[in-house]
Protein backbone atom coordinates (compact mmCIF):
# COMPACT_ATOMS: atom_id res chain seq x y z
CA MET A 1 27.11 16.96 9.07
CA THR A 2 29.18 19.28 7.01
CA GLN A 3 29.08 23.06 6.94
CA PHE A 4 27.16 22.87 3.67
CA ASP A 5 24.44 20.74 5.29
CA GLU A 6 24.16 23.21 8.15
CA SER A 7 23.80 26.15 5.76
CA LEU A 8 21.08 24.26 3.88
CA ARG A 9 19.18 23.58 7.11
CA ASP A 10 19.40 27.24 8.08
CA ALA A 11 17.90 28.27 4.71
CA LEU A 12 14.79 26.10 5.15
CA SER A 13 11.55 27.43 6.55
CA ALA A 14 10.12 26.01 9.78
CA ASP A 15 7.56 23.91 7.87
CA ASP A 16 10.25 22.48 5.64
CA LYS A 17 12.42 21.66 8.65
CA ASP A 18 9.55 19.83 10.34
CA PHE A 19 8.76 17.90 7.20
CA LEU A 20 12.41 17.02 6.64
CA SER A 21 12.77 15.80 10.22
CA THR A 22 9.83 13.41 9.70
CA LEU A 23 11.52 12.03 6.59
CA GLU A 24 14.82 11.30 8.28
CA ASN A 25 13.54 8.28 10.19
CA ASP A 26 12.90 5.22 8.07
CA GLN A 27 9.33 4.08 8.14
CA GLY A 28 8.46 0.51 8.95
CA MET A 29 5.96 -1.55 7.04
CA PHE A 30 3.01 -0.63 9.25
CA GLU A 31 3.82 3.10 9.08
CA GLN A 32 3.98 2.84 5.29
CA MET A 33 0.66 1.01 5.21
CA GLY A 34 -0.90 3.67 7.44
CA ALA A 35 0.45 6.42 5.20
CA THR A 36 -1.58 5.08 2.28
CA PHE A 37 -4.80 5.88 4.18
CA VAL A 38 -3.90 9.60 4.28
CA GLY A 39 -4.16 12.11 1.49
CA PRO A 40 -6.25 12.42 -1.64
CA MET A 41 -6.32 8.66 -2.36
CA LYS A 42 -7.42 7.62 1.15
CA TYR A 43 -10.96 6.65 0.10
CA TRP A 44 -9.71 4.55 -2.84
CA THR A 45 -7.23 2.84 -0.55
CA ALA A 46 -9.92 2.08 2.02
CA PHE A 47 -12.19 0.81 -0.75
CA ALA A 48 -9.43 -1.47 -2.08
CA PHE A 49 -8.69 -2.74 1.44
CA VAL A 50 -12.34 -3.63 2.07
CA LEU A 51 -12.61 -5.17 -1.40
CA SER A 52 -9.58 -7.36 -0.73
CA LEU A 53 -11.19 -8.60 2.50
CA ILE A 54 -14.39 -9.41 0.62
CA PHE A 55 -12.51 -11.27 -2.12
CA PHE A 56 -10.50 -13.14 0.51
CA GLY A 57 -13.73 -14.28 2.17
CA LEU A 58 -15.04 -15.32 -1.24
CA THR A 59 -11.84 -17.29 -1.82
CA ILE A 60 -12.30 -19.20 1.43
CA TYR A 61 -15.99 -19.80 0.68
CA CYS A 62 -15.29 -21.08 -2.85
CA PHE A 63 -12.57 -23.40 -1.53
CA TYR A 64 -14.93 -24.81 1.10
CA GLN A 65 -17.70 -25.33 -1.45
CA MET A 66 -15.27 -26.94 -3.89
CA ALA A 67 -14.13 -29.41 -1.22
CA THR A 68 -17.64 -30.39 -0.10
CA VAL A 69 -19.71 -30.32 -3.30
CA GLU A 70 -20.89 -33.49 -5.07
CA GLY A 71 -20.04 -33.85 -8.75
CA ASP A 72 -17.13 -32.93 -10.95
CA ARG A 73 -18.81 -30.11 -12.87
CA ALA A 74 -19.88 -28.27 -9.71
CA ALA A 75 -16.43 -28.75 -8.17
CA LEU A 76 -14.85 -27.34 -11.33
CA MET A 77 -17.10 -24.27 -11.18
CA TRP A 78 -16.25 -23.66 -7.52
CA PHE A 79 -12.58 -24.12 -8.40
CA ALA A 80 -12.93 -21.43 -11.10
CA GLY A 81 -14.47 -19.10 -8.52
CA PHE A 82 -11.67 -19.91 -6.10
CA ILE A 83 -8.97 -19.12 -8.68
CA TRP A 84 -10.73 -15.95 -9.85
CA SER A 85 -11.16 -14.56 -6.35
CA ALA A 86 -7.58 -15.48 -5.36
CA ILE A 87 -6.28 -13.62 -8.42
CA ALA A 88 -8.47 -10.63 -7.48
CA VAL A 89 -6.94 -10.59 -3.97
CA ALA A 90 -3.44 -10.77 -5.48
CA ALA A 91 -4.17 -7.93 -7.92
CA ILE A 92 -5.51 -5.67 -5.17
CA LYS A 93 -2.49 -6.42 -2.99
CA ILE A 94 -0.15 -5.58 -5.88
CA TRP A 95 -1.97 -2.26 -6.32
CA PHE A 96 -1.61 -1.60 -2.59
CA TRP A 97 2.14 -2.35 -2.68
CA LEU A 98 2.57 -0.12 -5.73
CA ARG A 99 0.79 2.66 -3.83
CA MET A 100 3.17 2.21 -0.89
CA ASN A 101 6.14 2.29 -3.29
CA HIS A 102 4.78 5.42 -4.95
CA LEU A 103 4.51 7.22 -1.61
CA ALA A 104 8.03 6.12 -0.61
CA THR A 105 9.39 7.46 -3.90
CA LEU A 106 7.56 10.77 -3.43
CA ARG A 107 8.94 11.02 0.10
CA GLU A 108 12.49 10.51 -1.16
CA LEU A 109 12.01 13.04 -3.97
CA LYS A 110 10.67 15.59 -1.49
CA LYS A 111 13.69 14.98 0.71
CA ILE A 112 16.03 15.61 -2.21
CA GLU A 113 14.05 18.70 -3.21
CA LEU A 114 14.30 20.14 0.29
CA MET A 115 18.03 19.41 0.46
CA LEU A 116 18.57 21.20 -2.85
CA ALA A 117 16.40 24.19 -1.93
């Protein structure tokens, strides 16, 4: 570290130093996923997680029914349910990944803000 970095660290409050020290280590995927379940959006994240599990179960069920049903029309309807529920799982996962990216961006912005303070 340079002298400038040291003078910046000395100017920070104790809370800012603690927060900055938590930001210095890179978070792995599971830490990032866990971070989405904290804060003001934790209930929406938990709801989306449970919803994705439900839609995944529906996807498996529709696939099983499609494979075992008699008749083309019924198989086509189960196939439509399979595709719809698979797309729902994909959309929820995309939202979850965007949430993780949003939190990573906020963490980096906070780090820059603390370094400039």
